[in-house]
PDB file of N, CA and C in Angstrom:
ATOM      1  N   MET A   1       0.847  -1.168   0.000  1.00  0.00           N
ATOM      2  CA  MET A   1       0.000   0.000   0.000  1.00  0.00           C
ATOM      3  C   MET A   1       0.894   1.232   0.000  1.00  0.00           C
ATOM      4  N   SER A   2       0.576   2.187  -0.817  1.00  0.00           N
ATOM      5  CA  SER A   2       1.384   3.399  -0.880  1.00  0.00           C
ATOM      6  C   SER A   2       1.200   4.218   0.388  1.00  0.00           C
ATOM      7  N   ALA A   3       2.214   5.019   0.711  1.00  0.00           N
ATOM      8  CA  ALA A   3       2.138   5.864   1.900  1.00  0.00           C
ATOM      9  C   ALA A   3       0.978   6.852   1.778  1.00  0.00           C
ATOM     10  N   LEU A   4       0.739   7.363   0.578  1.00  0.00           N
ATOM     11  CA  LEU A   4      -0.349   8.313   0.362  1.00  0.00           C
ATOM     12  C   LEU A   4      -1.700   7.662   0.614  1.00  0.00           C
ATOM     13  N   LEU A   5      -1.913   6.464   0.075  1.00  0.00           N
ATOM     14  CA  LEU A   5      -3.174   5.757   0.279  1.00  0.00           C
ATOM     15  C   LEU A   5      -3.336   5.395   1.749  1.00  0.00           C
ATOM     16  N   GLY A   6      -2.271   4.910   2.373  1.00  0.00           N
ATOM     17  CA  GLY A   6      -2.323   4.544   3.783  1.00  0.00           C
ATOM     18  C   GLY A   6      -2.681   5.728   4.658  1.00  0.00           C
ATOM     19  N   ALA A   7      -2.200   6.914   4.310  1.00  0.00           N
ATOM     20  CA  ALA A   7      -2.506   8.110   5.091  1.00  0.00           C
ATOM     21  C   ALA A   7      -3.958   8.542   4.918  1.00  0.00           C
ATOM     22  N   ALA A   8      -4.582   8.204   3.802  1.00  0.00           N
ATOM     23  CA  ALA A   8      -5.953   8.624   3.526  1.00  0.00           C
ATOM     24  C   ALA A   8      -6.992   7.737   4.207  1.00  0.00           C
ATOM     25  N   LEU A   9      -6.601   6.534   4.600  1.00  0.00           N
ATOM     26  CA  LEU A   9      -7.534   5.575   5.164  1.00  0.00           C
ATOM     27  C   LEU A   9      -7.227   5.327   6.631  1.00  0.00           C
ATOM     28  N   ALA A  10      -8.248   5.079   7.411  1.00  0.00           N
ATOM     29  CA  ALA A  10      -8.067   4.734   8.817  1.00  0.00           C
ATOM     30  C   ALA A  10      -9.066   3.651   9.168  1.00  0.00           C
ATOM     31  N   THR A  11      -8.648   2.668   9.937  1.00  0.00           N
ATOM     32  CA  THR A  11      -9.538   1.613  10.391  1.00  0.00           C
ATOM     33  C   THR A  11      -9.549   1.614  11.905  1.00  0.00           C
ATOM     34  N   THR A  12     -10.712   1.568  12.482  1.00  0.00           N
ATOM     35  CA  THR A  12     -10.854   1.479  13.919  1.00  0.00           C
ATOM     36  C   THR A  12     -11.513   0.150  14.220  1.00  0.00           C
ATOM     37  N   GLU A  13     -10.944  -0.632  15.119  1.00  0.00           N
ATOM     38  CA  GLU A  13     -11.508  -1.932  15.435  1.00  0.00           C
ATOM     39  C   GLU A  13     -12.341  -1.872  16.705  1.00  0.00           C
ATOM     40  N   MET A  14     -13.339  -2.742  16.778  1.00  0.00           N
ATOM     41  CA  MET A  14     -14.152  -2.865  17.972  1.00  0.00           C
ATOM     42  C   MET A  14     -13.302  -3.535  19.048  1.00  0.00           C
ATOM     43  N   PRO A  15     -13.737  -3.479  20.309  1.00  0.00           N
ATOM     44  CA  PRO A  15     -13.001  -4.160  21.373  1.00  0.00           C
ATOM     45  C   PRO A  15     -12.784  -5.617  21.007  1.00  0.00           C
ATOM     46  N   LEU A  16     -11.577  -6.078  21.188  1.00  0.00           N
ATOM     47  CA  LEU A  16     -11.188  -7.426  20.803  1.00  0.00           C
ATOM     48  C   LEU A  16     -12.065  -8.459  21.502  1.00  0.00           C
ATOM     49  N   GLY A  17     -12.584  -9.383  20.740  1.00  0.00           N
ATOM     50  CA  GLY A  17     -13.304 -10.496  21.304  1.00  0.00           C
ATOM     51  C   GLY A  17     -14.817 -10.430  21.263  1.00  0.00           C
ATOM     52  N   ARG A  18     -15.425  -9.276  20.936  1.00  0.00           N
ATOM     53  CA  ARG A  18     -16.885  -9.188  20.956  1.00  0.00           C
ATOM     54  C   ARG A  18     -17.400  -8.263  19.868  1.00  0.00           C
ATOM     55  N   CYS A  19     -18.517  -8.667  19.260  1.00  0.00           N
ATOM     56  CA  CYS A  19     -19.224  -7.831  18.290  1.00  0.00           C
ATOM     57  C   CYS A  19     -20.460  -7.261  18.985  1.00  0.00           C
ATOM     58  N   ASN A  20     -20.781  -6.022  18.725  1.00  0.00           N
ATOM     59  CA  ASN A  20     -21.897  -5.344  19.388  1.00  0.00           C
ATOM     60  C   ASN A  20     -23.236  -5.665  18.732  1.00  0.00           C
ATOM     61  N   TYR A  21     -24.244  -5.851  19.579  1.00  0.00           N
ATOM     62  CA  TYR A  21     -25.622  -6.084  19.151  1.00  0.00           C
ATOM     63  C   TYR A  21     -26.170  -4.784  18.563  1.00  0.00           C
ATOM     64  N   ALA A  22     -26.842  -4.881  17.406  1.00  0.00           N
ATOM     65  CA  ALA A  22     -27.339  -3.680  16.725  1.00  0.00           C
ATOM     66  C   ALA A  22     -28.575  -4.034  15.900  1.00  0.00           C
ATOM     67  N   LYS A  23     -29.237  -2.995  15.406  1.00  0.00           N
ATOM     68  CA  LYS A  23     -30.411  -3.162  14.534  1.00  0.00           C
ATOM     69  C   LYS A  23     -30.244  -2.302  13.294  1.00  0.00           C
ATOM     70  N   VAL A  24     -30.827  -2.772  12.197  1.00  0.00           N
ATOM     71  CA  VAL A  24     -30.895  -1.969  10.976  1.00  0.00           C
ATOM     72  C   VAL A  24     -31.976  -0.922  11.204  1.00  0.00           C
ATOM     73  N   VAL A  25     -31.632   0.365  11.037  1.00  0.00           N
ATOM     74  CA  VAL A  25     -32.594   1.441  11.257  1.00  0.00           C
ATOM     75  C   VAL A  25     -32.799   2.313  10.020  1.00  0.00           C
ATOM     76  N   GLY A  26     -31.985   2.168   9.030  1.00  0.00           N
ATOM     77  CA  GLY A  26     -32.082   3.014   7.844  1.00  0.00           C
ATOM     78  C   GLY A  26     -32.668   2.289   6.657  1.00  0.00           C
ATOM     79  N   GLY A  27     -32.844   3.039   5.593  1.00  0.00           N
ATOM     80  CA  GLY A  27     -33.330   2.460   4.356  1.00  0.00           C
ATOM     81  C   GLY A  27     -34.802   2.131   4.405  1.00  0.00           C
ATOM     82  N   ARG A  28     -35.615   2.907   3.709  1.00  0.00           N
ATOM     83  CA  ARG A  28     -37.066   2.649   3.717  1.00  0.00           C
ATOM     84  C   ARG A  28     -37.397   1.265   3.200  1.00  0.00           C
ATOM     85  N   GLN A  29     -36.633   0.789   2.229  1.00  0.00           N
ATOM     86  CA  GLN A  29     -36.888  -0.529   1.655  1.00  0.00           C
ATOM     87  C   GLN A  29     -35.767  -1.501   1.993  1.00  0.00           C
ATOM     88  N   GLY A  30     -35.067  -1.245   3.082  1.00  0.00           N
ATOM     89  CA  GLY A  30     -33.976  -2.106   3.498  1.00  0.00           C
ATOM     90  C   GLY A  30     -32.634  -1.533   3.089  1.00  0.00           C
ATOM     91  N   ILE A  31     -31.583  -2.219   3.485  1.00  0.00           N
ATOM     92  CA  ILE A  31     -30.232  -1.760   3.183  1.00  0.00           C
ATOM     93  C   ILE A  31     -29.472  -2.831   2.424  1.00  0.00           C
ATOM     94  N   THR A  32     -28.466  -2.413   1.710  1.00  0.00           N
ATOM     95  CA  THR A  32     -27.600  -3.345   0.991  1.00  0.00           C
ATOM     96  C   THR A  32     -26.345  -3.579   1.811  1.00  0.00           C
ATOM     97  N   VAL A  33     -25.936  -4.836   1.890  1.00  0.00           N
ATOM     98  CA  VAL A  33     -24.698  -5.221   2.558  1.00  0.00           C
ATOM     99  C   VAL A  33     -23.739  -5.667   1.453  1.00  0.00           C
ATOM    100  N   TYR A  34     -22.520  -5.144   1.502  1.00  0.00           N
ATOM    101  CA  TYR A  34     -21.517  -5.391   0.473  1.00  0.00           C
ATOM    102  C   TYR A  34     -20.380  -6.253   1.007  1.00  0.00           C
ATOM    103  N   LYS A  35     -19.640  -6.870   0.096  1.00  0.00           N
ATOM    104  CA  LYS A  35     -18.506  -7.714   0.469  1.00  0.00           C
ATOM    105  C   LYS A  35     -17.377  -6.898   1.094  1.00  0.00           C
ATOM    106  N   ALA A  36     -17.196  -5.667   0.667  1.00  0.00           N
ATOM    107  CA  ALA A  36     -16.166  -4.777   1.196  1.00  0.00           C
ATOM    108  C   ALA A  36     -16.791  -3.410   1.449  1.00  0.00           C
ATOM    109  N   HIS A  37     -16.049  -2.514   2.040  1.00  0.00           N
ATOM    110  CA  HIS A  37     -16.581  -1.182   2.375  1.00  0.00           C
ATOM    111  C   HIS A  37     -16.533  -0.241   1.176  1.00  0.00           C
ATOM    112  N   SER A  38     -17.347  -0.593   0.158  1.00  0.00           N
ATOM    113  CA  SER A  38     -17.449   0.194  -1.073  1.00  0.00           C
ATOM    114  C   SER A  38     -18.729  -0.198  -1.811  1.00  0.00           C
ATOM    115  N   VAL A  39     -19.468   0.790  -2.324  1.00  0.00           N
ATOM    116  CA  VAL A  39     -20.673   0.464  -3.093  1.00  0.00           C
ATOM    117  C   VAL A  39     -20.332  -0.203  -4.419  1.00  0.00           C
ATOM    118  N   GLY A  40     -19.072  -0.154  -4.830  1.00  0.00           N
ATOM    119  CA  GLY A  40     -18.631  -0.842  -6.035  1.00  0.00           C
ATOM    120  C   GLY A  40     -18.306  -2.310  -5.801  1.00  0.00           C
ATOM    121  N   SER A  41     -18.339  -2.728  -4.551  1.00  0.00           N
ATOM    122  CA  SER A  41     -18.049  -4.113  -4.179  1.00  0.00           C
ATOM    123  C   SER A  41     -19.275  -4.990  -4.449  1.00  0.00           C
ATOM    124  N   PRO A  42     -19.086  -6.295  -4.642  1.00  0.00           N
ATOM    125  CA  PRO A  42     -20.246  -7.177  -4.843  1.00  0.00           C
ATOM    126  C   PRO A  42     -21.210  -7.134  -3.657  1.00  0.00           C
ATOM    127  N   ARG A  43     -22.488  -7.261  -3.951  1.00  0.00           N
ATOM    128  CA  ARG A  43     -23.516  -7.279  -2.912  1.00  0.00           C
ATOM    129  C   ARG A  43     -23.567  -8.645  -2.242  1.00  0.00           C
ATOM    130  N   VAL A  44     -23.750  -8.625  -0.931  1.00  0.00           N
ATOM    131  CA  VAL A  44     -23.842  -9.854  -0.145  1.00  0.00           C
ATOM    132  C   VAL A  44     -25.300 -10.155   0.202  1.00  0.00           C
ATOM    133  N   ALA A  45     -26.045  -9.100   0.577  1.00  0.00           N
ATOM    134  CA  ALA A  45     -27.434  -9.302   1.021  1.00  0.00           C
ATOM    135  C   ALA A  45     -28.173  -7.974   1.065  1.00  0.00           C
ATOM    136  N   ARG A  46     -29.504  -8.077   1.177  1.00  0.00           N
ATOM    137  CA  ARG A  46     -30.352  -6.916   1.514  1.00  0.00           C
ATOM    138  C   ARG A  46     -31.000  -7.259   2.843  1.00  0.00           C
ATOM    139  N   LEU A  47     -30.989  -6.302   3.758  1.00  0.00           N
ATOM    140  CA  LEU A  47     -31.577  -6.516   5.077  1.00  0.00           C
ATOM    141  C   LEU A  47     -32.696  -5.515   5.319  1.00  0.00           C
ATOM    142  N   ARG A  48     -33.768  -5.977   5.920  1.00  0.00           N
ATOM    143  CA  ARG A  48     -34.915  -5.122   6.229  1.00  0.00           C
ATOM    144  C   ARG A  48     -34.655  -4.302   7.493  1.00  0.00           C
ATOM    145  N   ARG A  49     -35.351  -3.180   7.574  1.00  0.00           N
ATOM    146  CA  ARG A  49     -35.316  -2.366   8.784  1.00  0.00           C
ATOM    147  C   ARG A  49     -35.776  -3.235   9.951  1.00  0.00           C
ATOM    148  N   GLY A  50     -35.081  -3.154  11.090  1.00  0.00           N
ATOM    149  CA  GLY A  50     -35.416  -3.956  12.263  1.00  0.00           C
ATOM    150  C   GLY A  50     -34.634  -5.244  12.385  1.00  0.00           C
ATOM    151  N   THR A  51     -33.901  -5.636  11.332  1.00  0.00           N
ATOM    152  CA  THR A  51     -33.105  -6.863  11.363  1.00  0.00           C
ATOM    153  C   THR A  51     -31.990  -6.735  12.401  1.00  0.00           C
ATOM    154  N   THR A  52     -31.780  -7.791  13.175  1.00  0.00           N
ATOM    155  CA  THR A  52     -30.691  -7.830  14.140  1.00  0.00           C
ATOM    156  C   THR A  52     -29.380  -8.106  13.409  1.00  0.00           C
ATOM    157  N   VAL A  53     -28.361  -7.319  13.730  1.00  0.00           N
ATOM    158  CA  VAL A  53     -27.014  -7.516  13.202  1.00  0.00           C
ATOM    159  C   VAL A  53     -26.026  -7.345  14.351  1.00  0.00           C
ATOM    160  N   TYR A  54     -24.795  -7.728  14.108  1.00  0.00           N
ATOM    161  CA  TYR A  54     -23.724  -7.584  15.089  1.00  0.00           C
ATOM    162  C   TYR A  54     -22.590  -6.822  14.429  1.00  0.00           C
ATOM    163  N   VAL A  55     -22.199  -5.707  15.015  1.00  0.00           N
ATOM    164  CA  VAL A  55     -21.144  -4.860  14.451  1.00  0.00           C
ATOM    165  C   VAL A  55     -19.804  -5.345  15.007  1.00  0.00           C
ATOM    166  N   CYS A  56     -18.928  -5.786  14.092  1.00  0.00           N
ATOM    167  CA  CYS A  56     -17.651  -6.366  14.502  1.00  0.00           C
ATOM    168  C   CYS A  56     -16.444  -5.501  14.146  1.00  0.00           C
ATOM    169  N   ASP A  57     -16.599  -4.560  13.240  1.00  0.00           N
ATOM    170  CA  ASP A  57     -15.470  -3.725  12.826  1.00  0.00           C
ATOM    171  C   ASP A  57     -16.041  -2.464  12.186  1.00  0.00           C
ATOM    172  N   GLU A  58     -15.203  -1.457  12.027  1.00  0.00           N
ATOM    173  CA  GLU A  58     -15.629  -0.247  11.333  1.00  0.00           C
ATOM    174  C   GLU A  58     -14.489   0.299  10.493  1.00  0.00           C
ATOM    175  N   PHE A  59     -14.852   1.056   9.488  1.00  0.00           N
ATOM    176  CA  PHE A  59     -13.891   1.679   8.571  1.00  0.00           C
ATOM    177  C   PHE A  59     -14.290   3.134   8.392  1.00  0.00           C
ATOM    178  N   ARG A  60     -13.313   4.020   8.526  1.00  0.00           N
ATOM    179  CA  ARG A  60     -13.559   5.454   8.310  1.00  0.00           C
ATOM    180  C   ARG A  60     -12.354   6.065   7.629  1.00  0.00           C
ATOM    181  N   ARG A  61     -12.630   6.921   6.665  1.00  0.00           N
ATOM    182  CA  ARG A  61     -11.543   7.731   6.103  1.00  0.00           C
ATOM    183  C   ARG A  61     -11.159   8.755   7.156  1.00  0.00           C
ATOM    184  N   GLU A  62      -9.913   9.166   7.146  1.00  0.00           N
ATOM    185  CA  GLU A  62      -9.447  10.139   8.134  1.00  0.00           C
ATOM    186  C   GLU A  62     -10.246  11.431   8.097  1.00  0.00           C
ATOM    187  N   ASP A  63     -10.721  11.818   6.914  1.00  0.00           N
ATOM    188  CA  ASP A  63     -11.499  13.063   6.820  1.00  0.00           C
ATOM    189  C   ASP A  63     -12.972  12.863   7.207  1.00  0.00           C
ATOM    190  N   GLY A  64     -13.362  11.631   7.569  1.00  0.00           N
ATOM    191  CA  GLY A  64     -14.722  11.345   8.009  1.00  0.00           C
ATOM    192  C   GLY A  64     -15.741  11.230   6.895  1.00  0.00           C
ATOM    193  N   SER A  65     -15.302  11.250   5.648  1.00  0.00           N
ATOM    194  CA  SER A  65     -16.236  11.261   4.523  1.00  0.00           C
ATOM    195  C   SER A  65     -16.853   9.901   4.213  1.00  0.00           C
ATOM    196  N   ASP A  66     -16.257   8.845   4.672  1.00  0.00           N
ATOM    197  CA  ASP A  66     -16.718   7.504   4.347  1.00  0.00           C
ATOM    198  C   ASP A  66     -16.734   6.694   5.633  1.00  0.00           C
ATOM    199  N   ARG A  67     -17.926   6.275   6.081  1.00  0.00           N
ATOM    200  CA  ARG A  67     -18.053   5.570   7.349  1.00  0.00           C
ATOM    201  C   ARG A  67     -18.846   4.283   7.133  1.00  0.00           C
ATOM    202  N   TRP A  68     -18.193   3.152   7.366  1.00  0.00           N
ATOM    203  CA  TRP A  68     -18.780   1.842   7.150  1.00  0.00           C
ATOM    204  C   TRP A  68     -18.627   0.992   8.404  1.00  0.00           C
ATOM    205  N   VAL A  69     -19.532   0.013   8.574  1.00  0.00           N
ATOM    206  CA  VAL A  69     -19.398  -0.977   9.641  1.00  0.00           C
ATOM    207  C   VAL A  69     -19.492  -2.374   9.032  1.00  0.00           C
ATOM    208  N   GLU A  70     -18.693  -3.270   9.602  1.00  0.00           N
ATOM    209  CA  GLU A  70     -18.806  -4.679   9.226  1.00  0.00           C
ATOM    210  C   GLU A  70     -19.880  -5.283  10.111  1.00  0.00           C
ATOM    211  N   VAL A  71     -20.883  -5.891   9.493  1.00  0.00           N
ATOM    212  CA  VAL A  71     -21.968  -6.507  10.246  1.00  0.00           C
ATOM    213  C   VAL A  71     -21.967  -8.009  10.025  1.00  0.00           C
ATOM    214  N   ARG A  72     -22.418  -8.714  11.034  1.00  0.00           N
ATOM    215  CA  ARG A  72     -22.625 -10.158  10.959  1.00  0.00           C
ATOM    216  C   ARG A  72     -24.106 -10.394  11.219  1.00  0.00           C
ATOM    217  N   PHE A  73     -24.680 -11.374  10.540  1.00  0.00           N
ATOM    218  CA  PHE A  73     -26.117 -11.623  10.659  1.00  0.00           C
ATOM    219  C   PHE A  73     -26.415 -13.043  10.210  1.00  0.00           C
ATOM    220  N   LYS A  74     -27.609 -13.538  10.579  1.00  0.00           N
ATOM    221  CA  LYS A  74     -27.981 -14.898  10.173  1.00  0.00           C
ATOM    222  C   LYS A  74     -28.738 -14.858   8.864  1.00  0.00           C
ATOM    223  N   ASN A  75     -28.640 -15.958   8.136  1.00  0.00           N
ATOM    224  CA  ASN A  75     -29.464 -16.184   6.951  1.00  0.00           C
ATOM    225  C   ASN A  75     -29.657 -17.689   6.818  1.00  0.00           C
ATOM    226  N   ALA A  76     -30.235 -18.145   5.738  1.00  0.00           N
ATOM    227  CA  ALA A  76     -30.568 -19.564   5.583  1.00  0.00           C
ATOM    228  C   ALA A  76     -29.345 -20.475   5.660  1.00  0.00           C
ATOM    229  N   ARG A  77     -28.192 -19.997   5.193  1.00  0.00           N
ATOM    230  CA  ARG A  77     -26.984 -20.835   5.190  1.00  0.00           C
ATOM    231  C   ARG A  77     -26.041 -20.561   6.356  1.00  0.00           C
ATOM    232  N   HIS A  78     -26.266 -19.474   7.079  1.00  0.00           N
ATOM    233  CA  HIS A  78     -25.351 -19.069   8.146  1.00  0.00           C
ATOM    234  C   HIS A  78     -26.124 -18.808   9.443  1.00  0.00           C
ATOM    235  N   PRO A  79     -26.176 -19.822  10.341  1.00  0.00           N
ATOM    236  CA  PRO A  79     -26.799 -19.561  11.630  1.00  0.00           C
ATOM    237  C   PRO A  79     -25.927 -18.563  12.394  1.00  0.00           C
ATOM    238  N   CYS A  80     -26.515 -17.785  13.222  1.00  0.00           N
ATOM    239  CA  CYS A  80     -25.767 -16.779  13.964  1.00  0.00           C
ATOM    240  C   CYS A  80     -26.217 -16.872  15.412  1.00  0.00           C
ATOM    241  N   PHE A  81     -25.487 -17.638  16.206  1.00  0.00           N
ATOM    242  CA  PHE A  81     -25.875 -17.912  17.592  1.00  0.00           C
ATOM    243  C   PHE A  81     -25.411 -16.766  18.478  1.00  0.00           C
ATOM    244  N   ALA A  82     -26.306 -15.837  18.728  1.00  0.00           N
ATOM    245  CA  ALA A  82     -25.929 -14.630  19.462  1.00  0.00           C
ATOM    246  C   ALA A  82     -27.033 -14.204  20.409  1.00  0.00           C
ATOM    247  N   LYS A  83     -26.684 -13.220  21.236  1.00  0.00           N
ATOM    248  CA  LYS A  83     -27.628 -12.696  22.223  1.00  0.00           C
ATOM    249  C   LYS A  83     -27.639 -11.181  22.157  1.00  0.00           C
ATOM    250  N   SER A  84     -28.563 -10.583  22.905  1.00  0.00           N
ATOM    251  CA  SER A  84     -28.716  -9.132  22.860  1.00  0.00           C
ATOM    252  C   SER A  84     -27.535  -8.376  23.468  1.00  0.00           C
ATOM    253  N   GLU A  85     -26.646  -9.044  24.166  1.00  0.00           N
ATOM    254  CA  GLU A  85     -25.470  -8.353  24.682  1.00  0.00           C
ATOM    255  C   GLU A  85     -24.298  -8.412  23.698  1.00  0.00           C
ATOM    256  N   GLY A  86     -24.513  -9.024  22.549  1.00  0.00           N
ATOM    257  CA  GLY A  86     -23.466  -9.110  21.534  1.00  0.00           C
ATOM    258  C   GLY A  86     -23.089 -10.555  21.269  1.00  0.00           C
ATOM    259  N   ILE A  87     -22.008 -10.721  20.537  1.00  0.00           N
ATOM    260  CA  ILE A  87     -21.560 -12.062  20.161  1.00  0.00           C
ATOM    261  C   ILE A  87     -20.037 -12.118  20.225  1.00  0.00           C
ATOM    262  N   GLU A  88     -19.523 -13.224  20.704  1.00  0.00           N
ATOM    263  CA  GLU A  88     -18.074 -13.412  20.763  1.00  0.00           C
ATOM    264  C   GLU A  88     -17.538 -13.591  19.347  1.00  0.00           C
ATOM    265  N   MET A  89     -16.338 -13.080  19.116  1.00  0.00           N
ATOM    266  CA  MET A  89     -15.732 -13.177  17.782  1.00  0.00           C
ATOM    267  C   MET A  89     -15.639 -14.619  17.297  1.00  0.00           C
ATOM    268  N   GLY A  90     -15.364 -15.541  18.178  1.00  0.00           N
ATOM    269  CA  GLY A  90     -15.272 -16.944  17.787  1.00  0.00           C
ATOM    270  C   GLY A  90     -16.574 -17.487  17.232  1.00  0.00           C
ATOM    271  N   LYS A  91     -17.686 -17.037  17.781  1.00  0.00           N
ATOM    272  CA  LYS A  91     -19.007 -17.460  17.297  1.00  0.00           C
ATOM    273  C   LYS A  91     -19.444 -16.656  16.074  1.00  0.00           C
ATOM    274  N   ALA A  92     -18.954 -15.431  15.949  1.00  0.00           N
ATOM    275  CA  ALA A  92     -19.337 -14.569  14.822  1.00  0.00           C
ATOM    276  C   ALA A  92     -18.902 -15.150  13.486  1.00  0.00           C
ATOM    277  N   ARG A  93     -17.902 -16.012  13.492  1.00  0.00           N
ATOM    278  CA  ARG A  93     -17.426 -16.592  12.224  1.00  0.00           C
ATOM    279  C   ARG A  93     -18.479 -17.471  11.547  1.00  0.00           C
ATOM    280  N   PHE A  94     -19.489 -17.896  12.300  1.00  0.00           N
ATOM    281  CA  PHE A  94     -20.561 -18.709  11.724  1.00  0.00           C
ATOM    282  C   PHE A  94     -21.625 -17.864  11.035  1.00  0.00           C
ATOM    283  N   CYS A  95     -21.624 -16.570  11.279  1.00  0.00           N
ATOM    284  CA  CYS A  95     -22.618 -15.653  10.719  1.00  0.00           C
ATOM    285  C   CYS A  95     -22.217 -15.205   9.316  1.00  0.00           C
ATOM    286  N   GLN A  96     -23.190 -14.770   8.536  1.00  0.00           N
ATOM    287  CA  GLN A  96     -22.909 -14.104   7.261  1.00  0.00           C
ATOM    288  C   GLN A  96     -22.248 -12.768   7.587  1.00  0.00           C
ATOM    289  N   ALA A  97     -21.292 -12.345   6.787  1.00  0.00           N
ATOM    290  CA  ALA A  97     -20.582 -11.085   7.056  1.00  0.00           C
ATOM    291  C   ALA A  97     -20.638 -10.178   5.833  1.00  0.00           C
ATOM    292  N   GLY A  98     -20.600  -8.880   6.087  1.00  0.00           N
ATOM    293  CA  GLY A  98     -20.538  -7.897   5.019  1.00  0.00           C
ATOM    294  C   GLY A  98     -20.431  -6.499   5.602  1.00  0.00           C
ATOM    295  N   TRP A  99     -20.390  -5.507   4.732  1.00  0.00           N
ATOM    296  CA  TRP A  99     -20.207  -4.113   5.122  1.00  0.00           C
ATOM    297  C   TRP A  99     -21.384  -3.267   4.668  1.00  0.00           C
ATOM    298  N   THR A 100     -21.777  -2.315   5.510  1.00  0.00           N
ATOM    299  CA  THR A 100     -22.820  -1.368   5.156  1.00  0.00           C
ATOM    300  C   THR A 100     -22.474   0.000   5.735  1.00  0.00           C
ATOM    301  N   GLN A 101     -23.148   1.008   5.250  1.00  0.00           N
ATOM    302  CA  GLN A 101     -22.862   2.356   5.724  1.00  0.00           C
ATOM    303  C   GLN A 101     -23.341   2.515   7.165  1.00  0.00           C
ATOM    304  N   GLU A 102     -22.508   3.166   7.952  1.00  0.00           N
ATOM    305  CA  GLU A 102     -22.722   3.275   9.389  1.00  0.00           C
ATOM    306  C   GLU A 102     -24.059   3.918   9.775  1.00  0.00           C
ATOM    307  N   ASN A 103     -24.522   4.886   9.021  1.00  0.00           N
ATOM    308  CA  ASN A 103     -25.739   5.605   9.388  1.00  0.00           C
ATOM    309  C   ASN A 103     -27.006   4.744   9.278  1.00  0.00           C
ATOM    310  N   TYR A 104     -26.928   3.553   8.733  1.00  0.00           N
ATOM    311  CA  TYR A 104     -28.078   2.650   8.648  1.00  0.00           C
ATOM    312  C   TYR A 104     -28.201   1.714   9.842  1.00  0.00           C
ATOM    313  N   ILE A 105     -27.244   1.776  10.772  1.00  0.00           N
ATOM    314  CA  ILE A 105     -27.165   0.833  11.874  1.00  0.00           C
ATOM    315  C   ILE A 105     -27.194   1.564  13.216  1.00  0.00           C
ATOM    316  N   GLU A 106     -27.976   1.048  14.152  1.00  0.00           N
ATOM    317  CA  GLU A 106     -27.962   1.576  15.513  1.00  0.00           C
ATOM    318  C   GLU A 106     -27.415   0.505  16.451  1.00  0.00           C
ATOM    319  N   VAL A 107     -26.280   0.788  17.076  1.00  0.00           N
ATOM    320  CA  VAL A 107     -25.669  -0.132  18.028  1.00  0.00           C
ATOM    321  C   VAL A 107     -26.406  -0.023  19.353  1.00  0.00           C
ATOM    322  N   LEU A 108     -26.813  -1.183  19.905  1.00  0.00           N
ATOM    323  CA  LEU A 108     -27.607  -1.209  21.128  1.00  0.00           C
ATOM    324  C   LEU A 108     -26.848  -1.757  22.339  1.00  0.00           C
ATOM    325  N   SER A 109     -25.693  -2.373  22.121  1.00  0.00           N
ATOM    326  CA  SER A 109     -24.861  -2.835  23.229  1.00  0.00           C
ATOM    327  C   SER A 109     -23.409  -2.488  22.936  1.00  0.00           C
ATOM    328  N   GLY A 110     -22.620  -2.398  23.997  1.00  0.00           N
ATOM    329  CA  GLY A 110     -21.181  -2.154  23.813  1.00  0.00           C
ATOM    330  C   GLY A 110     -20.748  -0.779  23.838  1.00  0.00           C
TER     331      GLY A 110
END
């Protein structure tokens, strides 16, 4: 990674070992979850407002212009054994994972 690109990007990680319990609150018709923190990335899923997710990581540009969270959630192929206080990272690996814009998610624990 070039020094210029590295200086433009910043990643902040959640506390080691736990993902925070959260709900989808944005998007009138649901939100799109992407494979990476970019709308140009392949789509992973669409989630309805009110869907439970677990926030495990976040990405922000240093200038604050781009704010994404990595979410984990259950679907037909990925059970997600979690509780309202969050989920341990070891268990989060069983959940479907993807990235969505931070303003669509409300963190309720952590």
